[in-house]
């Protein structure tokens, strides 16, 4: 599907708005760790869309060290790659993936970062105090939820099908 202004800018349908809300809510609960055990940002995003979480472990805390890019934002890109990319390892970037990533990057820059391009984990969380503290946890919980919502919205805009966002199974 060639990118069109219509895909990028059209209002979402009621069903799409519900899908985006469900993704935001699920990622929030998974990261927050109150109703279920805490997941890292990347894992919360992967689980939101029903993807195996193991490779997303490397995204926690900006690539483990805090010196890499935000794991939630990277996870959103990875989810789009898994769902919209060419399954052939030698295949080209699909038009859907190119459009979705372009839109996603533009949106996190404007909606989440207010135009500030620095997404290094340590730089994002430093203003919120101690990494294990409540202010940083609240910041990252909301960030993961917003990234899940942007990922879901990108899927609504550019995918021909999208995975369900299923309810969280509690023990």
N, C-alpha and C. Protein backbone atom coordinates (compact mmCIF):
# COMPACT_ATOMS: atom_id res chain seq x y z
N UNK A 1 0.85 -1.17 0.00
CA UNK A 1 0.00 0.00 0.00
C UNK A 1 0.89 1.23 0.00
N UNK A 2 0.77 2.04 -0.97
CA UNK A 2 1.55 3.27 -1.04
C UNK A 2 1.03 4.24 0.01
N UNK A 3 1.97 4.94 0.63
CA UNK A 3 1.56 5.89 1.65
C UNK A 3 0.74 7.00 1.02
N UNK A 4 -0.33 7.33 1.67
CA UNK A 4 -1.15 8.43 1.18
C UNK A 4 -1.43 9.37 2.33
N UNK A 5 -1.72 10.59 1.99
CA UNK A 5 -2.09 11.56 3.01
C UNK A 5 -3.33 11.07 3.74
N UNK A 6 -4.20 10.39 3.02
CA UNK A 6 -5.42 9.86 3.63
C UNK A 6 -5.09 8.91 4.77
N UNK A 7 -4.14 7.99 4.58
CA UNK A 7 -3.76 7.05 5.64
C UNK A 7 -3.15 7.77 6.83
N UNK A 8 -2.30 8.73 6.55
CA UNK A 8 -1.57 9.44 7.61
C UNK A 8 -2.47 10.32 8.46
N UNK A 9 -3.43 10.97 7.84
CA UNK A 9 -4.15 12.05 8.51
C UNK A 9 -5.62 11.79 8.76
N UNK A 10 -6.16 10.71 8.24
CA UNK A 10 -7.59 10.49 8.36
C UNK A 10 -8.00 10.28 9.82
N UNK A 11 -9.22 10.66 10.15
CA UNK A 11 -9.72 10.34 11.50
C UNK A 11 -9.84 8.83 11.65
N UNK A 12 -9.57 8.34 12.83
CA UNK A 12 -9.73 6.91 13.09
C UNK A 12 -11.20 6.59 13.30
N UNK A 13 -11.58 5.39 12.92
CA UNK A 13 -12.95 4.92 13.16
C UNK A 13 -13.12 4.64 14.66
N UNK A 14 -14.33 4.47 15.09
CA UNK A 14 -14.60 4.15 16.50
C UNK A 14 -13.90 2.86 16.90
N UNK A 15 -13.90 1.86 16.02
CA UNK A 15 -13.22 0.61 16.32
C UNK A 15 -11.72 0.78 16.44
N UNK A 16 -11.16 1.63 15.60
CA UNK A 16 -9.73 1.91 15.67
C UNK A 16 -9.37 2.68 16.94
N UNK A 17 -10.20 3.62 17.31
CA UNK A 17 -9.97 4.35 18.56
C UNK A 17 -10.00 3.38 19.75
N UNK A 18 -10.92 2.44 19.73
CA UNK A 18 -10.99 1.44 20.79
C UNK A 18 -9.74 0.56 20.80
N UNK A 19 -9.23 0.20 19.64
CA UNK A 19 -8.02 -0.62 19.52
C UNK A 19 -6.82 0.13 20.12
N UNK A 20 -6.70 1.40 19.77
CA UNK A 20 -5.61 2.23 20.30
C UNK A 20 -5.73 2.34 21.82
N UNK A 21 -6.93 2.57 22.31
CA UNK A 21 -7.15 2.69 23.76
C UNK A 21 -6.81 1.37 24.47
N UNK A 22 -7.21 0.26 23.87
CA UNK A 22 -6.91 -1.05 24.47
C UNK A 22 -5.41 -1.29 24.55
N UNK A 23 -4.69 -0.90 23.51
CA UNK A 23 -3.23 -1.06 23.51
C UNK A 23 -2.60 -0.18 24.60
N UNK A 24 -3.04 1.06 24.69
CA UNK A 24 -2.52 1.98 25.71
C UNK A 24 -2.78 1.40 27.11
N UNK A 25 -4.00 0.98 27.35
CA UNK A 25 -4.37 0.48 28.67
C UNK A 25 -3.60 -0.78 29.04
N UNK A 26 -3.45 -1.71 28.08
CA UNK A 26 -2.76 -2.96 28.38
C UNK A 26 -1.29 -2.70 28.69
N UNK A 27 -0.62 -1.88 27.88
CA UNK A 27 0.79 -1.59 28.14
C UNK A 27 0.96 -0.88 29.49
N UNK A 28 0.03 0.00 29.83
CA UNK A 28 0.09 0.69 31.12
C UNK A 28 0.07 -0.32 32.26
N UNK A 29 -0.88 -1.24 32.22
CA UNK A 29 -1.02 -2.24 33.28
C UNK A 29 0.20 -3.15 33.34
N UNK A 30 0.71 -3.57 32.19
CA UNK A 30 1.87 -4.46 32.17
C UNK A 30 3.11 -3.78 32.73
N UNK A 31 3.32 -2.51 32.39
CA UNK A 31 4.51 -1.82 32.89
C UNK A 31 4.34 -1.41 34.35
N UNK A 32 3.18 -0.95 34.70
CA UNK A 32 2.94 -0.42 36.05
C UNK A 32 3.25 -1.45 37.13
N UNK A 33 2.86 -2.71 36.89
CA UNK A 33 3.18 -3.76 37.84
C UNK A 33 2.32 -3.80 39.08
N UNK A 34 1.11 -3.26 39.04
CA UNK A 34 0.22 -3.30 40.20
C UNK A 34 -0.73 -4.49 40.09
N UNK A 35 -1.41 -4.62 38.96
CA UNK A 35 -2.36 -5.72 38.76
C UNK A 35 -1.68 -7.03 38.39
N UNK A 36 -0.55 -6.93 37.72
CA UNK A 36 0.26 -8.08 37.31
C UNK A 36 1.71 -7.73 37.57
N UNK A 37 2.62 -8.71 37.59
CA UNK A 37 4.03 -8.38 37.79
C UNK A 37 4.54 -7.42 36.71
N UNK A 38 5.41 -6.52 37.11
CA UNK A 38 5.98 -5.50 36.23
C UNK A 38 6.70 -6.13 35.03
N UNK A 39 6.50 -5.55 33.87
CA UNK A 39 7.26 -5.88 32.67
C UNK A 39 8.11 -4.67 32.31
N UNK A 40 9.26 -4.90 31.70
CA UNK A 40 10.06 -3.78 31.21
C UNK A 40 9.32 -3.14 30.04
N UNK A 41 9.79 -1.97 29.63
CA UNK A 41 9.09 -1.22 28.59
C UNK A 41 8.96 -2.00 27.29
N UNK A 42 10.04 -2.57 26.80
CA UNK A 42 9.99 -3.31 25.55
C UNK A 42 9.11 -4.54 25.63
N UNK A 43 9.20 -5.24 26.74
CA UNK A 43 8.38 -6.44 26.93
C UNK A 43 6.91 -6.07 27.02
N UNK A 44 6.58 -4.99 27.70
CA UNK A 44 5.19 -4.54 27.79
C UNK A 44 4.62 -4.25 26.39
N UNK A 45 5.43 -3.64 25.53
CA UNK A 45 4.97 -3.34 24.17
C UNK A 45 4.78 -4.64 23.39
N UNK A 46 5.75 -5.54 23.45
CA UNK A 46 5.63 -6.82 22.73
C UNK A 46 4.41 -7.60 23.18
N UNK A 47 4.23 -7.73 24.49
CA UNK A 47 3.08 -8.48 25.02
C UNK A 47 1.75 -7.83 24.66
N UNK A 48 1.74 -6.53 24.57
CA UNK A 48 0.51 -5.83 24.20
C UNK A 48 0.00 -6.33 22.85
N UNK A 49 0.92 -6.61 21.95
CA UNK A 49 0.54 -7.05 20.60
C UNK A 49 0.69 -8.55 20.39
N UNK A 50 0.83 -9.31 21.49
CA UNK A 50 0.87 -10.76 21.41
C UNK A 50 2.13 -11.34 20.81
N UNK A 51 3.24 -10.61 20.90
CA UNK A 51 4.49 -11.08 20.33
C UNK A 51 5.38 -11.68 21.41
N UNK A 52 6.22 -12.65 21.06
CA UNK A 52 7.14 -13.22 22.04
C UNK A 52 8.05 -12.14 22.62
N UNK A 53 8.23 -12.17 23.91
CA UNK A 53 8.92 -11.07 24.58
C UNK A 53 10.43 -11.24 24.67
N UNK A 54 10.94 -12.44 24.48
CA UNK A 54 12.36 -12.70 24.74
C UNK A 54 13.31 -11.70 24.06
N UNK A 55 13.19 -11.44 22.75
CA UNK A 55 14.16 -10.50 22.16
C UNK A 55 13.99 -9.07 22.65
N UNK A 56 12.85 -8.74 23.21
CA UNK A 56 12.59 -7.39 23.69
C UNK A 56 13.27 -7.12 25.03
N UNK A 57 13.79 -8.18 25.67
CA UNK A 57 14.50 -7.99 26.93
C UNK A 57 15.71 -7.09 26.78
N UNK A 58 16.33 -7.13 25.61
CA UNK A 58 17.53 -6.32 25.37
C UNK A 58 17.22 -4.83 25.28
N UNK A 59 15.93 -4.48 25.20
CA UNK A 59 15.56 -3.07 25.10
C UNK A 59 15.36 -2.42 26.46
N UNK A 60 15.24 -3.22 27.51
CA UNK A 60 14.98 -2.62 28.83
C UNK A 60 16.07 -1.62 29.18
N UNK A 61 15.65 -0.56 29.81
CA UNK A 61 16.57 0.50 30.27
C UNK A 61 17.53 0.93 29.18
N UNK A 62 17.00 1.22 28.01
CA UNK A 62 17.84 1.76 26.94
C UNK A 62 18.98 0.84 26.55
N UNK A 63 18.67 -0.43 26.32
CA UNK A 63 19.70 -1.39 25.95
C UNK A 63 20.49 -1.89 27.14
N UNK A 64 19.84 -2.02 28.27
CA UNK A 64 20.37 -2.54 29.53
C UNK A 64 21.17 -1.48 30.30
N UNK A 65 21.95 -0.68 29.63
CA UNK A 65 22.88 0.24 30.28
C UNK A 65 22.32 1.63 30.52
N UNK A 66 21.21 1.97 29.88
CA UNK A 66 20.66 3.32 29.97
C UNK A 66 21.26 4.26 28.94
N UNK A 67 22.31 3.82 28.25
CA UNK A 67 23.00 4.68 27.30
C UNK A 67 22.41 4.61 25.90
N UNK A 68 21.51 3.66 25.66
CA UNK A 68 20.89 3.51 24.34
C UNK A 68 19.55 4.21 24.28
N UNK A 69 18.91 4.13 23.11
CA UNK A 69 17.60 4.77 22.95
C UNK A 69 16.52 4.11 23.79
N UNK A 70 15.50 4.87 24.07
CA UNK A 70 14.35 4.42 24.85
C UNK A 70 13.85 3.06 24.35
N UNK A 71 13.78 2.10 25.25
CA UNK A 71 13.34 0.76 24.89
C UNK A 71 11.90 0.71 24.41
N UNK A 72 11.05 1.56 24.95
CA UNK A 72 9.66 1.56 24.51
C UNK A 72 9.56 2.02 23.06
N UNK A 73 10.23 3.10 22.73
CA UNK A 73 10.18 3.62 21.36
C UNK A 73 10.78 2.61 20.39
N UNK A 74 11.91 2.04 20.76
CA UNK A 74 12.52 1.00 19.90
C UNK A 74 11.59 -0.19 19.77
N UNK A 75 10.92 -0.58 20.85
CA UNK A 75 10.00 -1.71 20.80
C UNK A 75 8.86 -1.44 19.83
N UNK A 76 8.33 -0.22 19.83
CA UNK A 76 7.28 0.12 18.88
C UNK A 76 7.74 -0.08 17.44
N UNK A 77 8.97 0.34 17.16
CA UNK A 77 9.52 0.14 15.81
C UNK A 77 9.68 -1.35 15.50
N UNK A 78 10.14 -2.11 16.48
CA UNK A 78 10.32 -3.56 16.27
C UNK A 78 8.99 -4.26 16.03
N UNK A 79 7.97 -3.88 16.77
CA UNK A 79 6.65 -4.47 16.56
C UNK A 79 6.19 -4.19 15.13
N UNK A 80 6.34 -2.96 14.70
CA UNK A 80 5.95 -2.62 13.32
C UNK A 80 6.76 -3.43 12.32
N UNK A 81 8.04 -3.61 12.58
CA UNK A 81 8.87 -4.42 11.70
C UNK A 81 8.42 -5.88 11.66
N UNK A 82 8.09 -6.43 12.82
CA UNK A 82 7.63 -7.82 12.85
C UNK A 82 6.31 -8.00 12.10
N UNK A 83 5.42 -7.05 12.25
CA UNK A 83 4.08 -7.20 11.69
C UNK A 83 3.95 -6.70 10.25
N UNK A 84 4.79 -5.76 9.84
CA UNK A 84 4.65 -5.18 8.50
C UNK A 84 5.84 -5.46 7.59
N UNK A 85 6.90 -6.05 8.13
CA UNK A 85 8.09 -6.30 7.33
C UNK A 85 7.94 -7.50 6.41
N UNK A 86 8.81 -7.57 5.45
CA UNK A 86 8.85 -8.68 4.50
C UNK A 86 9.39 -9.91 5.23
N UNK A 87 8.69 -11.03 5.20
CA UNK A 87 9.20 -12.23 5.89
C UNK A 87 10.43 -12.82 5.20
N UNK A 88 10.69 -12.44 3.97
CA UNK A 88 11.87 -12.92 3.25
C UNK A 88 13.09 -12.14 3.75
N UNK A 89 14.10 -12.81 4.31
CA UNK A 89 15.26 -12.08 4.82
C UNK A 89 15.98 -11.26 3.76
N UNK A 90 15.82 -11.62 2.51
CA UNK A 90 16.46 -10.86 1.43
C UNK A 90 15.50 -9.85 0.81
N UNK A 91 14.28 -9.78 1.33
CA UNK A 91 13.28 -8.89 0.78
C UNK A 91 13.55 -7.43 1.10
N UNK A 92 12.97 -6.58 0.32
CA UNK A 92 13.10 -5.14 0.52
C UNK A 92 12.15 -4.67 1.63
N UNK A 93 12.35 -3.47 2.08
CA UNK A 93 11.42 -2.87 3.04
C UNK A 93 10.07 -2.75 2.35
N UNK A 94 9.03 -3.22 3.01
CA UNK A 94 7.70 -3.13 2.40
C UNK A 94 7.23 -1.68 2.44
N UNK A 95 6.38 -1.30 1.49
CA UNK A 95 5.83 0.06 1.52
C UNK A 95 5.06 0.33 2.81
N UNK A 96 4.36 -0.69 3.33
CA UNK A 96 3.60 -0.52 4.58
C UNK A 96 4.53 -0.22 5.75
N UNK A 97 5.63 -0.96 5.82
CA UNK A 97 6.57 -0.74 6.92
C UNK A 97 7.22 0.64 6.79
N UNK A 98 7.64 1.01 5.60
CA UNK A 98 8.26 2.32 5.40
C UNK A 98 7.30 3.44 5.83
N UNK A 99 6.05 3.33 5.42
CA UNK A 99 5.06 4.36 5.78
C UNK A 99 4.79 4.38 7.27
N UNK A 100 4.65 3.20 7.85
CA UNK A 100 4.34 3.11 9.28
C UNK A 100 5.49 3.65 10.13
N UNK A 101 6.72 3.28 9.81
CA UNK A 101 7.87 3.76 10.58
C UNK A 101 8.03 5.27 10.43
N UNK A 102 7.88 5.76 9.23
CA UNK A 102 7.99 7.20 8.99
C UNK A 102 6.95 7.95 9.84
N UNK A 103 5.72 7.48 9.80
CA UNK A 103 4.64 8.11 10.59
C UNK A 103 4.92 8.00 12.08
N UNK A 104 5.30 6.78 12.54
CA UNK A 104 5.56 6.52 13.95
C UNK A 104 6.66 7.44 14.47
N UNK A 105 7.76 7.55 13.74
CA UNK A 105 8.86 8.40 14.19
C UNK A 105 8.45 9.87 14.25
N UNK A 106 7.70 10.31 13.28
CA UNK A 106 7.21 11.68 13.28
C UNK A 106 6.30 11.92 14.49
N UNK A 107 5.46 10.95 14.79
CA UNK A 107 4.49 11.12 15.88
C UNK A 107 5.14 11.07 17.25
N UNK A 108 6.09 10.13 17.49
CA UNK A 108 6.71 10.15 18.81
C UNK A 108 7.50 11.43 19.01
N UNK A 109 8.10 11.93 17.94
CA UNK A 109 8.85 13.17 18.06
C UNK A 109 7.93 14.34 18.44
N UNK A 110 6.77 14.43 17.80
CA UNK A 110 5.89 15.56 18.09
C UNK A 110 4.98 15.32 19.29
N UNK A 111 4.36 14.16 19.39
CA UNK A 111 3.39 13.92 20.46
C UNK A 111 4.02 13.58 21.79
N UNK A 112 5.07 12.78 21.77
CA UNK A 112 5.65 12.31 23.03
C UNK A 112 6.81 13.19 23.46
N UNK A 113 7.66 13.59 22.53
CA UNK A 113 8.87 14.32 22.89
C UNK A 113 8.77 15.82 22.63
N UNK A 114 7.64 16.30 22.13
CA UNK A 114 7.48 17.74 21.92
C UNK A 114 8.54 18.34 21.02
N UNK A 115 9.02 17.56 20.05
CA UNK A 115 10.02 18.03 19.11
C UNK A 115 11.45 17.77 19.53
N UNK A 116 11.68 17.30 20.75
CA UNK A 116 13.03 17.02 21.26
C UNK A 116 13.45 15.64 20.78
N UNK A 117 14.48 15.54 19.92
CA UNK A 117 14.84 14.25 19.34
C UNK A 117 15.64 13.32 20.23
N UNK A 118 16.16 13.79 21.36
CA UNK A 118 16.99 12.95 22.21
C UNK A 118 16.12 11.91 22.93
N UNK A 119 16.33 10.64 22.61
CA UNK A 119 15.57 9.58 23.27
C UNK A 119 16.48 8.61 24.01
N UNK A 120 17.69 9.04 24.37
CA UNK A 120 18.57 8.20 25.17
C UNK A 120 17.90 8.00 26.53
N UNK A 121 17.80 6.76 26.95
CA UNK A 121 17.08 6.42 28.18
C UNK A 121 17.53 7.27 29.37
N UNK A 122 18.83 7.30 29.65
CA UNK A 122 19.31 8.06 30.81
C UNK A 122 18.94 9.54 30.72
N UNK A 123 18.93 10.09 29.52
CA UNK A 123 18.58 11.51 29.35
C UNK A 123 17.09 11.74 29.61
N UNK A 124 16.28 10.77 29.22
CA UNK A 124 14.83 10.89 29.44
C UNK A 124 14.47 10.79 30.92
N UNK A 125 15.10 9.86 31.62
CA UNK A 125 14.68 9.58 32.99
C UNK A 125 15.39 10.42 34.04
N UNK A 126 16.54 10.99 33.72
CA UNK A 126 17.31 11.77 34.70
C UNK A 126 16.48 12.84 35.41
N UNK A 127 15.64 13.61 34.69
CA UNK A 127 14.86 14.65 35.39
C UNK A 127 13.85 14.10 36.40
N UNK A 128 13.62 12.79 36.38
CA UNK A 128 12.61 12.19 37.27
C UNK A 128 13.23 11.54 38.50
N UNK A 129 14.50 11.82 38.76
CA UNK A 129 15.14 11.35 39.97
C UNK A 129 15.62 9.92 39.88
N UNK A 130 15.73 9.31 41.04
CA UNK A 130 16.24 7.95 41.17
C UNK A 130 15.53 6.99 40.22
N UNK A 131 16.33 6.16 39.53
CA UNK A 131 15.73 5.25 38.56
C UNK A 131 14.72 4.31 39.21
N UNK A 132 14.91 3.95 40.44
CA UNK A 132 13.98 3.06 41.12
C UNK A 132 12.86 3.82 41.83
N UNK A 133 12.85 5.13 41.70
CA UNK A 133 11.87 5.95 42.40
C UNK A 133 10.52 6.03 41.70
N UNK A 134 9.51 6.49 42.42
CA UNK A 134 8.14 6.54 41.89
C UNK A 134 7.94 7.53 40.74
N UNK A 135 8.65 8.65 40.74
CA UNK A 135 8.47 9.63 39.66
C UNK A 135 8.97 9.06 38.33
N UNK A 136 10.12 8.41 38.35
CA UNK A 136 10.64 7.80 37.12
C UNK A 136 9.74 6.66 36.67
N UNK A 137 9.27 5.85 37.60
CA UNK A 137 8.40 4.74 37.23
C UNK A 137 7.11 5.26 36.60
N UNK A 138 6.54 6.31 37.16
CA UNK A 138 5.31 6.89 36.59
C UNK A 138 5.58 7.44 35.19
N UNK A 139 6.72 8.10 35.01
CA UNK A 139 7.08 8.63 33.69
C UNK A 139 7.17 7.50 32.67
N UNK A 140 7.90 6.46 33.01
CA UNK A 140 8.10 5.35 32.07
C UNK A 140 6.82 4.55 31.84
N UNK A 141 5.99 4.43 32.85
CA UNK A 141 4.71 3.74 32.68
C UNK A 141 3.87 4.47 31.64
N UNK A 142 3.78 5.77 31.77
CA UNK A 142 3.01 6.56 30.81
C UNK A 142 3.65 6.58 29.43
N UNK A 143 4.97 6.61 29.38
CA UNK A 143 5.68 6.59 28.10
C UNK A 143 5.40 5.27 27.37
N UNK A 144 5.51 4.15 28.07
CA UNK A 144 5.24 2.85 27.45
C UNK A 144 3.80 2.79 26.94
N UNK A 145 2.86 3.30 27.72
CA UNK A 145 1.46 3.30 27.31
C UNK A 145 1.25 4.14 26.05
N UNK A 146 1.88 5.31 25.99
CA UNK A 146 1.72 6.18 24.82
C UNK A 146 2.38 5.58 23.58
N UNK A 147 3.52 4.92 23.77
CA UNK A 147 4.16 4.26 22.63
C UNK A 147 3.29 3.11 22.12
N UNK A 148 2.70 2.35 23.02
CA UNK A 148 1.79 1.28 22.59
C UNK A 148 0.63 1.86 21.79
N UNK A 149 0.11 2.99 22.25
CA UNK A 149 -0.99 3.63 21.53
C UNK A 149 -0.54 4.09 20.14
N UNK A 150 0.63 4.67 20.03
CA UNK A 150 1.14 5.10 18.72
C UNK A 150 1.39 3.90 17.80
N UNK A 151 1.89 2.83 18.37
CA UNK A 151 2.12 1.62 17.57
C UNK A 151 0.79 1.09 17.05
N UNK A 152 -0.20 1.04 17.92
CA UNK A 152 -1.54 0.59 17.51
C UNK A 152 -2.12 1.51 16.44
N UNK A 153 -1.94 2.80 16.61
CA UNK A 153 -2.46 3.74 15.62
C UNK A 153 -1.75 3.56 14.28
N UNK A 154 -0.45 3.33 14.30
CA UNK A 154 0.28 3.08 13.05
C UNK A 154 -0.27 1.83 12.36
N UNK A 155 -0.57 0.80 13.14
CA UNK A 155 -1.15 -0.41 12.56
C UNK A 155 -2.53 -0.11 11.96
N UNK A 156 -3.31 0.70 12.63
CA UNK A 156 -4.62 1.08 12.08
C UNK A 156 -4.46 1.82 10.76
N UNK A 157 -3.47 2.65 10.67
CA UNK A 157 -3.28 3.49 9.49
C UNK A 157 -2.62 2.77 8.32
N UNK A 158 -1.75 1.80 8.59
CA UNK A 158 -0.91 1.27 7.51
C UNK A 158 -0.98 -0.25 7.32
N UNK A 159 -1.57 -0.98 8.23
CA UNK A 159 -1.62 -2.44 8.10
C UNK A 159 -2.95 -2.88 7.50
N UNK A 160 -2.92 -3.95 6.76
CA UNK A 160 -4.17 -4.50 6.23
C UNK A 160 -4.86 -5.35 7.28
N UNK A 161 -4.11 -5.84 8.26
CA UNK A 161 -4.69 -6.54 9.40
C UNK A 161 -3.80 -6.25 10.60
N UNK A 162 -4.33 -6.45 11.76
CA UNK A 162 -3.55 -6.19 12.98
C UNK A 162 -3.89 -7.23 14.02
N UNK A 163 -2.94 -7.52 14.90
CA UNK A 163 -3.19 -8.54 15.92
C UNK A 163 -4.19 -8.01 16.95
N UNK A 164 -4.97 -8.90 17.53
CA UNK A 164 -5.86 -8.43 18.58
C UNK A 164 -5.08 -8.00 19.81
N UNK A 165 -5.61 -7.06 20.54
CA UNK A 165 -5.06 -6.72 21.85
C UNK A 165 -5.96 -7.43 22.84
N UNK A 166 -5.46 -8.54 23.36
CA UNK A 166 -6.26 -9.41 24.21
C UNK A 166 -6.19 -8.96 25.67
N UNK A 167 -7.20 -9.32 26.44
CA UNK A 167 -7.17 -8.99 27.87
C UNK A 167 -5.98 -9.66 28.57
N UNK A 168 -5.53 -9.04 29.61
CA UNK A 168 -4.42 -9.58 30.40
C UNK A 168 -4.95 -10.75 31.22
N UNK A 169 -4.21 -11.84 31.18
CA UNK A 169 -4.56 -13.00 31.99
C UNK A 169 -3.94 -12.82 33.36
N UNK A 170 -4.77 -12.86 34.38
CA UNK A 170 -4.24 -12.73 35.75
C UNK A 170 -4.24 -14.09 36.42
N UNK A 171 -3.26 -14.29 37.27
CA UNK A 171 -3.14 -15.60 37.95
C UNK A 171 -4.30 -15.89 38.88
